[in-house]
Amino acid sequence: MNQTKVLSEEEAFELLTFLVTSARGCVDEPETYGTFRLIDAASRLLDFLLKSEEVEDREFYSHLKEEIDEKKLWLMTDEEAYFNFLSEVTRKVAQRLKRRAESQGA
């Protein structure tokens, strides 16, 4: 796995700001909004990754971002499908994590 810098300080601060204000928002918002804010933060992080020239797993990140951006909105129209999507995307990331660990000989 390549250990390159992916986020600039400005991008990291932008993500930090989003996470901190999202945490505060979760205090007063409906419980399910927290899941939306987290999956939206994942999309934002993927956007930063895809801007980097040195990202190795670009195809995976690109497909994942597209899926997240499409399906995160299901929270507003179909909660059951949205919650199933959260489980599905978690499995996909876990499977990729396993493959990455195996390729490193772990």
Protein backbone atom coordinates (compact mmCIF):
# COMPACT_ATOMS: atom_id res chain seq x y z
CA MET A 1 0.00 0.00 0.00
CA ASN A 2 1.33 3.38 -1.01
CA GLN A 3 1.73 5.82 1.90
CA THR A 4 1.16 9.12 0.11
CA LYS A 5 -0.38 12.36 1.26
CA VAL A 6 -3.98 12.47 0.10
CA LEU A 7 -5.43 15.46 1.93
CA SER A 8 -4.11 18.96 1.96
CA GLU A 9 -4.34 20.81 5.24
CA GLU A 10 -7.23 22.84 3.83
CA GLU A 11 -9.13 19.69 2.82
CA ALA A 12 -8.48 18.07 6.19
CA PHE A 13 -9.74 21.21 7.94
CA GLU A 14 -12.85 21.21 5.73
CA LEU A 15 -13.56 17.61 6.70
CA LEU A 16 -12.83 18.35 10.36
CA THR A 17 -15.26 21.26 10.29
CA PHE A 18 -17.96 19.09 8.73
CA LEU A 19 -17.45 16.34 11.31
CA VAL A 20 -17.47 18.69 14.29
CA THR A 21 -20.57 20.59 13.17
CA SER A 22 -22.25 17.29 12.31
CA ALA A 23 -21.55 15.99 15.81
CA ARG A 24 -23.21 19.08 17.25
CA GLY A 25 -26.13 18.74 14.85
CA CYS A 26 -26.72 15.18 16.01
CA VAL A 27 -27.64 16.47 19.46
CA ASP A 28 -30.85 18.08 18.21
CA GLU A 29 -31.63 16.17 15.03
CA PRO A 30 -33.52 12.90 14.59
CA GLU A 31 -31.34 9.87 15.32
CA THR A 32 -31.18 8.71 11.69
CA TYR A 33 -29.62 11.99 10.57
CA GLY A 34 -26.39 10.96 12.28
CA THR A 35 -26.06 8.01 9.90
CA PHE A 36 -26.63 10.35 6.98
CA ARG A 37 -23.97 12.76 8.20
CA LEU A 38 -21.46 9.93 8.57
CA ILE A 39 -22.09 8.45 5.13
CA ASP A 40 -21.95 11.97 3.66
CA ALA A 41 -18.58 12.47 5.37
CA ALA A 42 -17.42 9.22 3.74
CA SER A 43 -18.46 10.65 0.37
CA ARG A 44 -16.54 13.85 1.07
CA LEU A 45 -13.44 11.87 2.03
CA LEU A 46 -13.74 9.82 -1.16
CA ASP A 47 -13.94 13.05 -3.14
CA PHE A 48 -10.62 14.15 -1.65
CA LEU A 49 -9.08 10.73 -2.36
CA LEU A 50 -10.18 10.86 -5.98
CA LYS A 51 -8.56 14.28 -6.45
CA SER A 52 -5.17 12.79 -5.57
CA GLU A 53 -2.98 11.64 -8.44
CA GLU A 54 -1.36 8.97 -6.28
CA VAL A 55 -4.40 6.95 -5.17
CA GLU A 56 -4.00 3.27 -6.03
CA ASP A 57 -7.56 2.04 -5.60
CA ARG A 58 -9.22 4.73 -7.74
CA GLU A 59 -11.80 2.44 -9.40
CA PHE A 60 -13.06 1.12 -6.06
CA TYR A 61 -13.23 4.63 -4.56
CA SER A 62 -14.99 6.03 -7.61
CA HIS A 63 -17.68 3.32 -7.66
CA LEU A 64 -18.13 3.57 -3.91
CA LYS A 65 -18.58 7.35 -4.06
CA GLU A 66 -21.12 7.07 -6.88
CA GLU A 67 -23.09 4.49 -4.92
CA ILE A 68 -23.00 6.48 -1.70
CA ASP A 69 -24.05 9.71 -3.42
CA GLU A 70 -26.98 7.96 -5.06
CA LYS A 71 -28.20 5.85 -2.17
CA LYS A 72 -27.63 8.18 0.79
CA LEU A 73 -30.71 10.09 -0.34
CA TRP A 74 -32.84 6.99 0.17
CA LEU A 75 -33.04 8.01 3.83
CA MET A 76 -35.62 10.61 2.80
CA THR A 77 -37.81 8.21 0.78
CA ASP A 78 -37.13 4.61 1.82
CA GLU A 79 -35.54 4.09 5.23
CA GLU A 80 -35.49 0.30 4.95
CA ALA A 81 -33.58 0.42 1.65
CA TYR A 82 -31.25 3.05 3.11
CA PHE A 83 -30.46 0.92 6.17
CA ASN A 84 -29.88 -2.11 3.93
CA PHE A 85 -27.54 0.03 1.84
CA LEU A 86 -25.55 0.97 4.97
CA SER A 87 -25.06 -2.74 5.71
CA GLU A 88 -24.13 -3.42 2.09
CA VAL A 89 -21.57 -0.61 1.87
CA THR A 90 -20.06 -1.71 5.19
CA ARG A 91 -19.60 -5.23 3.77
CA LYS A 92 -17.98 -3.84 0.62
CA VAL A 93 -15.46 -1.79 2.59
CA ALA A 94 -14.74 -4.73 4.93
CA GLN A 95 -14.13 -7.02 1.94
CA ARG A 96 -11.75 -4.46 0.42
CA LEU A 97 -9.97 -4.13 3.77
CA LYS A 98 -9.52 -7.91 3.89
CA ARG A 99 -8.12 -7.99 0.33
CA ARG A 100 -5.71 -5.16 1.12
CA ALA A 101 -4.50 -6.97 4.24
CA GLU A 102 -4.04 -10.20 2.28
CA SER A 103 -2.07 -8.44 -0.44
CA GLN A 104 0.28 -7.06 2.24
CA GLY A 105 0.86 -10.52 3.61
CA ALA A 106 -1.01 -9.89 6.84
